[in-house]
Every structure is written in structure tokens, then in C-alpha cells.
N, C-alpha and C. Protein backbone atom coordinates (compact mmCIF):
# COMPACT_ATOMS: atom_id res chain seq x y z
N MET A 1 17.16 -15.54 4.09
CA MET A 1 15.90 -16.06 3.59
C MET A 1 14.97 -16.32 4.77
N LYS A 2 13.72 -16.03 4.57
CA LYS A 2 12.73 -16.23 5.63
C LYS A 2 12.31 -17.69 5.67
N PRO A 3 11.70 -18.12 6.80
CA PRO A 3 11.27 -19.51 6.91
C PRO A 3 10.20 -19.86 5.87
N LYS A 4 10.16 -21.10 5.46
CA LYS A 4 9.14 -21.56 4.51
C LYS A 4 7.78 -21.56 5.19
N ILE A 5 6.76 -21.26 4.37
CA ILE A 5 5.40 -21.27 4.87
C ILE A 5 4.58 -22.25 4.04
N THR A 6 3.43 -22.59 4.55
CA THR A 6 2.54 -23.47 3.81
C THR A 6 1.61 -22.64 2.93
N PHE A 7 0.94 -23.32 2.01
CA PHE A 7 -0.05 -22.63 1.19
C PHE A 7 -1.15 -22.08 2.09
N GLU A 8 -1.48 -22.79 3.14
CA GLU A 8 -2.50 -22.32 4.09
C GLU A 8 -2.06 -20.99 4.72
N ASP A 9 -0.77 -20.88 5.06
CA ASP A 9 -0.27 -19.61 5.60
C ASP A 9 -0.46 -18.49 4.57
N PHE A 10 -0.07 -18.75 3.33
CA PHE A 10 -0.18 -17.74 2.27
C PHE A 10 -1.64 -17.37 2.02
N SER A 11 -2.54 -18.34 2.08
CA SER A 11 -3.94 -18.06 1.76
C SER A 11 -4.60 -17.13 2.78
N LYS A 12 -3.96 -16.91 3.91
CA LYS A 12 -4.49 -15.98 4.91
C LYS A 12 -4.26 -14.52 4.50
N ILE A 13 -3.35 -14.28 3.56
CA ILE A 13 -3.03 -12.93 3.13
C ILE A 13 -4.04 -12.48 2.09
N ASP A 14 -4.65 -11.34 2.32
CA ASP A 14 -5.65 -10.80 1.40
C ASP A 14 -5.03 -9.65 0.61
N LEU A 15 -4.57 -9.96 -0.60
CA LEU A 15 -3.96 -8.97 -1.49
C LEU A 15 -5.03 -8.40 -2.41
N ARG A 16 -5.11 -7.08 -2.47
CA ARG A 16 -6.14 -6.43 -3.29
C ARG A 16 -5.56 -5.26 -4.06
N ILE A 17 -6.26 -4.91 -5.14
CA ILE A 17 -5.94 -3.74 -5.93
C ILE A 17 -6.79 -2.57 -5.43
N GLY A 18 -6.16 -1.41 -5.28
CA GLY A 18 -6.87 -0.21 -4.87
C GLY A 18 -6.32 1.00 -5.59
N THR A 19 -7.06 2.09 -5.53
CA THR A 19 -6.65 3.33 -6.17
C THR A 19 -6.44 4.40 -5.09
N ILE A 20 -5.30 5.06 -5.16
CA ILE A 20 -5.00 6.14 -4.21
C ILE A 20 -5.87 7.35 -4.56
N ILE A 21 -6.64 7.81 -3.56
CA ILE A 21 -7.55 8.93 -3.80
C ILE A 21 -7.14 10.20 -3.04
N ALA A 22 -6.24 10.07 -2.08
CA ALA A 22 -5.74 11.25 -1.35
C ALA A 22 -4.35 10.94 -0.80
N VAL A 23 -3.52 11.98 -0.75
CA VAL A 23 -2.15 11.85 -0.24
C VAL A 23 -1.86 13.08 0.63
N GLU A 24 -1.36 12.81 1.83
CA GLU A 24 -0.99 13.90 2.74
C GLU A 24 0.44 13.67 3.22
N ASP A 25 1.15 14.76 3.51
CA ASP A 25 2.46 14.63 4.15
C ASP A 25 2.28 14.02 5.53
N PHE A 26 3.33 13.37 6.03
CA PHE A 26 3.28 12.73 7.35
C PHE A 26 4.50 13.18 8.14
N PRO A 27 4.49 14.42 8.62
CA PRO A 27 5.67 14.97 9.29
C PRO A 27 6.05 14.27 10.60
N LYS A 28 5.10 13.58 11.24
CA LYS A 28 5.41 12.91 12.51
C LYS A 28 6.05 11.53 12.33
N ALA A 29 6.13 11.03 11.10
CA ALA A 29 6.77 9.74 10.85
C ALA A 29 8.27 9.86 11.09
N ARG A 30 8.89 8.76 11.57
CA ARG A 30 10.34 8.78 11.81
C ARG A 30 11.14 8.91 10.52
N LYS A 31 10.68 8.22 9.47
CA LYS A 31 11.29 8.32 8.15
C LYS A 31 10.30 9.03 7.24
N PRO A 32 10.77 9.78 6.25
CA PRO A 32 9.83 10.50 5.37
C PRO A 32 8.78 9.56 4.78
N ALA A 33 7.52 9.96 4.90
CA ALA A 33 6.41 9.12 4.46
C ALA A 33 5.21 9.98 4.10
N TYR A 34 4.29 9.35 3.39
CA TYR A 34 2.99 9.94 3.09
C TYR A 34 1.91 9.16 3.83
N GLN A 35 0.80 9.83 4.08
CA GLN A 35 -0.42 9.17 4.52
C GLN A 35 -1.30 9.03 3.28
N LEU A 36 -1.62 7.80 2.93
CA LEU A 36 -2.41 7.52 1.73
C LEU A 36 -3.82 7.15 2.11
N THR A 37 -4.78 7.58 1.32
CA THR A 37 -6.16 7.14 1.41
C THR A 37 -6.43 6.36 0.12
N ILE A 38 -6.87 5.10 0.28
CA ILE A 38 -6.96 4.18 -0.86
C ILE A 38 -8.37 3.61 -0.95
N ASP A 39 -8.93 3.66 -2.16
CA ASP A 39 -10.26 3.13 -2.43
C ASP A 39 -10.13 1.66 -2.86
N PHE A 40 -10.73 0.76 -2.08
CA PHE A 40 -10.73 -0.67 -2.40
C PHE A 40 -12.13 -1.14 -2.82
N GLY A 41 -12.88 -0.28 -3.46
CA GLY A 41 -14.19 -0.67 -3.98
C GLY A 41 -15.14 -1.12 -2.89
N ASP A 42 -15.69 -2.32 -3.04
CA ASP A 42 -16.67 -2.85 -2.08
C ASP A 42 -16.08 -3.03 -0.68
N LEU A 43 -14.76 -3.11 -0.56
CA LEU A 43 -14.12 -3.24 0.76
C LEU A 43 -14.05 -1.90 1.48
N GLY A 44 -14.30 -0.82 0.76
CA GLY A 44 -14.28 0.50 1.36
C GLY A 44 -12.95 1.21 1.18
N VAL A 45 -12.80 2.29 1.92
CA VAL A 45 -11.60 3.13 1.86
C VAL A 45 -10.73 2.81 3.07
N LYS A 46 -9.43 2.64 2.83
CA LYS A 46 -8.49 2.36 3.91
C LYS A 46 -7.33 3.36 3.84
N LYS A 47 -6.68 3.52 4.97
CA LYS A 47 -5.53 4.43 5.04
C LYS A 47 -4.26 3.62 5.27
N SER A 48 -3.15 4.18 4.78
CA SER A 48 -1.86 3.53 4.94
C SER A 48 -0.77 4.59 4.99
N SER A 49 0.28 4.29 5.69
CA SER A 49 1.49 5.10 5.68
C SER A 49 2.48 4.43 4.74
N ALA A 50 3.14 5.22 3.90
CA ALA A 50 4.08 4.62 2.95
C ALA A 50 5.32 5.50 2.82
N GLN A 51 6.48 4.87 2.93
CA GLN A 51 7.76 5.57 2.82
C GLN A 51 8.19 5.61 1.35
N ILE A 52 7.47 6.40 0.57
CA ILE A 52 7.68 6.45 -0.88
C ILE A 52 7.93 7.87 -1.36
N THR A 53 8.35 8.75 -0.46
CA THR A 53 8.51 10.16 -0.81
C THR A 53 9.71 10.41 -1.72
N GLN A 54 10.70 9.53 -1.73
CA GLN A 54 11.87 9.74 -2.58
C GLN A 54 11.54 9.57 -4.06
N ARG A 55 10.64 8.68 -4.36
CA ARG A 55 10.37 8.31 -5.75
C ARG A 55 9.10 8.96 -6.31
N TYR A 56 8.14 9.30 -5.45
CA TYR A 56 6.84 9.78 -5.91
C TYR A 56 6.48 11.11 -5.26
N THR A 57 5.89 12.00 -6.06
CA THR A 57 5.30 13.21 -5.51
C THR A 57 3.84 12.91 -5.18
N LYS A 58 3.22 13.78 -4.43
CA LYS A 58 1.80 13.58 -4.11
C LYS A 58 0.97 13.56 -5.39
N ASP A 59 1.29 14.43 -6.33
CA ASP A 59 0.54 14.45 -7.60
C ASP A 59 0.72 13.16 -8.39
N ASP A 60 1.93 12.56 -8.33
CA ASP A 60 2.18 11.28 -9.02
C ASP A 60 1.25 10.19 -8.51
N LEU A 61 0.90 10.25 -7.24
CA LEU A 61 0.20 9.15 -6.59
C LEU A 61 -1.32 9.18 -6.75
N ILE A 62 -1.89 10.36 -6.90
CA ILE A 62 -3.34 10.46 -7.03
C ILE A 62 -3.79 9.70 -8.28
N GLY A 63 -4.72 8.76 -8.09
CA GLY A 63 -5.25 7.97 -9.20
C GLY A 63 -4.43 6.73 -9.53
N LYS A 64 -3.30 6.54 -8.86
CA LYS A 64 -2.45 5.38 -9.14
C LYS A 64 -3.03 4.14 -8.48
N GLN A 65 -3.10 3.05 -9.24
CA GLN A 65 -3.54 1.78 -8.66
C GLN A 65 -2.35 1.08 -8.03
N ILE A 66 -2.59 0.52 -6.85
CA ILE A 66 -1.52 -0.15 -6.10
C ILE A 66 -2.00 -1.53 -5.66
N THR A 67 -1.08 -2.31 -5.16
CA THR A 67 -1.38 -3.60 -4.56
C THR A 67 -1.12 -3.48 -3.07
N ALA A 68 -2.03 -4.01 -2.25
CA ALA A 68 -1.87 -3.90 -0.80
C ALA A 68 -2.42 -5.14 -0.10
N ILE A 69 -1.88 -5.39 1.08
CA ILE A 69 -2.44 -6.40 1.98
C ILE A 69 -3.48 -5.67 2.81
N VAL A 70 -4.73 -6.13 2.74
CA VAL A 70 -5.82 -5.39 3.38
C VAL A 70 -6.33 -6.02 4.67
N ASN A 71 -5.77 -7.17 5.05
CA ASN A 71 -6.30 -7.81 6.26
C ASN A 71 -5.32 -7.80 7.43
N PHE A 72 -4.45 -6.80 7.48
CA PHE A 72 -3.63 -6.59 8.66
C PHE A 72 -4.46 -5.91 9.73
N LYS A 73 -4.11 -6.14 10.99
CA LYS A 73 -4.72 -5.36 12.06
C LYS A 73 -4.19 -3.93 11.94
N LYS A 74 -4.97 -2.96 12.41
CA LYS A 74 -4.52 -1.57 12.39
C LYS A 74 -3.21 -1.43 13.15
N LYS A 75 -2.32 -0.59 12.62
CA LYS A 75 -1.04 -0.34 13.29
C LYS A 75 -0.90 1.16 13.49
N GLN A 76 -0.62 1.54 14.74
CA GLN A 76 -0.44 2.96 15.02
C GLN A 76 0.99 3.37 14.70
N ILE A 77 1.10 4.42 13.90
CA ILE A 77 2.40 5.01 13.55
C ILE A 77 2.28 6.48 13.92
N ALA A 78 2.96 6.88 14.99
CA ALA A 78 2.82 8.22 15.55
C ALA A 78 1.34 8.45 15.87
N ASN A 79 0.73 9.47 15.29
CA ASN A 79 -0.68 9.78 15.58
C ASN A 79 -1.62 9.27 14.49
N PHE A 80 -1.17 8.28 13.71
CA PHE A 80 -1.90 7.79 12.54
C PHE A 80 -2.10 6.29 12.65
N PHE A 81 -3.26 5.80 12.18
CA PHE A 81 -3.52 4.36 12.18
C PHE A 81 -3.50 3.85 10.74
N SER A 82 -2.54 2.97 10.46
CA SER A 82 -2.42 2.36 9.13
C SER A 82 -3.30 1.12 9.11
N GLU A 83 -4.14 1.00 8.06
CA GLU A 83 -5.12 -0.08 7.98
C GLU A 83 -4.78 -1.14 6.93
N CYS A 84 -3.75 -0.89 6.14
CA CYS A 84 -3.33 -1.85 5.12
C CYS A 84 -1.85 -1.62 4.84
N LEU A 85 -1.24 -2.56 4.13
CA LEU A 85 0.18 -2.45 3.80
C LEU A 85 0.32 -2.38 2.29
N VAL A 86 0.76 -1.24 1.79
CA VAL A 86 1.01 -1.03 0.37
C VAL A 86 2.33 -1.72 0.03
N LEU A 87 2.33 -2.49 -1.06
CA LEU A 87 3.50 -3.28 -1.41
C LEU A 87 4.41 -2.56 -2.40
N GLY A 88 5.70 -2.72 -2.17
CA GLY A 88 6.71 -2.15 -3.05
C GLY A 88 8.02 -2.87 -2.86
N ILE A 89 8.98 -2.58 -3.73
CA ILE A 89 10.31 -3.16 -3.59
C ILE A 89 11.33 -2.03 -3.66
N GLU A 90 12.48 -2.29 -3.06
CA GLU A 90 13.55 -1.30 -3.06
C GLU A 90 14.39 -1.45 -4.32
N ASN A 91 14.60 -0.34 -5.03
CA ASN A 91 15.43 -0.39 -6.23
C ASN A 91 16.90 -0.17 -5.87
N ASN A 92 17.77 -0.08 -6.87
CA ASN A 92 19.20 0.06 -6.60
C ASN A 92 19.58 1.42 -6.04
N LYS A 93 18.63 2.38 -6.02
CA LYS A 93 18.86 3.70 -5.41
C LYS A 93 18.29 3.76 -4.00
N GLN A 94 17.85 2.62 -3.50
CA GLN A 94 17.23 2.49 -2.18
C GLN A 94 15.93 3.30 -2.08
N GLU A 95 15.21 3.38 -3.20
CA GLU A 95 13.89 3.99 -3.24
C GLU A 95 12.87 2.86 -3.31
N ILE A 96 11.71 3.07 -2.69
CA ILE A 96 10.64 2.08 -2.77
C ILE A 96 9.83 2.33 -4.04
N VAL A 97 9.71 1.29 -4.85
CA VAL A 97 8.93 1.34 -6.09
C VAL A 97 7.66 0.53 -5.84
N LEU A 98 6.51 1.15 -6.07
CA LEU A 98 5.23 0.49 -5.81
C LEU A 98 5.00 -0.68 -6.76
N LEU A 99 4.43 -1.76 -6.22
CA LEU A 99 4.00 -2.87 -7.06
C LEU A 99 2.62 -2.55 -7.60
N GLN A 100 2.45 -2.74 -8.89
CA GLN A 100 1.16 -2.48 -9.49
C GLN A 100 0.96 -3.40 -10.68
N SER A 101 -0.27 -3.52 -11.09
CA SER A 101 -0.63 -4.39 -12.19
C SER A 101 -0.12 -3.83 -13.51
N SER A 102 0.20 -4.70 -14.44
CA SER A 102 0.60 -4.24 -15.76
C SER A 102 -0.62 -3.85 -16.60
N LYS A 103 -1.80 -4.24 -16.15
CA LYS A 103 -3.04 -3.86 -16.83
C LYS A 103 -3.63 -2.65 -16.13
N LEU A 104 -4.09 -1.69 -16.90
CA LEU A 104 -4.66 -0.48 -16.32
C LEU A 104 -6.13 -0.65 -15.99
N ASN A 105 -6.57 0.13 -15.02
CA ASN A 105 -7.99 0.22 -14.66
C ASN A 105 -8.61 -1.11 -14.23
N ILE A 106 -7.98 -1.75 -13.29
CA ILE A 106 -8.56 -2.95 -12.69
C ILE A 106 -9.57 -2.47 -11.65
N LYS A 107 -10.67 -3.18 -11.51
CA LYS A 107 -11.71 -2.80 -10.55
C LYS A 107 -11.12 -2.79 -9.15
N ASN A 108 -11.34 -1.67 -8.44
CA ASN A 108 -10.86 -1.56 -7.06
C ASN A 108 -11.44 -2.69 -6.22
N GLY A 109 -10.59 -3.28 -5.40
CA GLY A 109 -11.00 -4.37 -4.53
C GLY A 109 -10.74 -5.73 -5.15
N THR A 110 -10.32 -5.79 -6.41
CA THR A 110 -10.04 -7.08 -7.05
C THR A 110 -8.94 -7.79 -6.27
N GLN A 111 -9.19 -9.07 -6.00
CA GLN A 111 -8.23 -9.86 -5.24
C GLN A 111 -7.10 -10.35 -6.15
N VAL A 112 -5.88 -10.25 -5.64
CA VAL A 112 -4.70 -10.75 -6.34
C VAL A 112 -4.56 -12.22 -5.98
N SER A 113 -4.39 -13.06 -6.99
CA SER A 113 -4.27 -14.50 -6.71
C SER A 113 -3.07 -15.08 -7.43
């Protein structure tokens, strides 16, 4: 278990809903991954690397709404800069399953609270 945090610590995390608008293979990643381009509405478009190739095809991902942390500093992964962290959980097959809203068509950029 990780250390306990305060509500103030949690409030620093900016969780938003976005829609994947482009997906590219990422052959230079150490583990199989995609390079995602995600539309966050008024926050703009951000890129992310995601190790979700076992569960999702590129076609599956286009138009899919996801949840991401959008206020991380950029992180360089090989020759790519990831600007946000797409959230998911590992299932019993050790595949990453994306976290997403149960309601469809939420406005891009909507803050998760």
C-alpha cells in the first residue's frame, strides 16, 4: 500500500476526460505501446504513450473517451514526449483496461471530481 496523502495532495491532480483522435505504433518503446493523440477540448490536444496494445487495436481506440491526468510534466520516452497519463487498470490477463466514464459523449476537457 502506498503512503497516505492529504486532500490537498489529491487536489493537485488534474483528471480530465478526453477523446483519442489518432493512434500510432511506437516501435522504439521498451514494452509494446501506442502513441496516442487526445483531444481535451479547451485544454487542447495532448500526446501520451500507452501500453495497451494487448487489449486494443488502433481502430478500437479512435473516438474512445478516456480519463487522464493532464498536469504532469512532459516525460521523454525514447524519441517521444508524453504530455499526460492515460489511466487504466490491469486485468487478470495482465492487460491494461482503460478507465472511462459509464456515460457516453462527455464534453472533452471535463474535469473528473
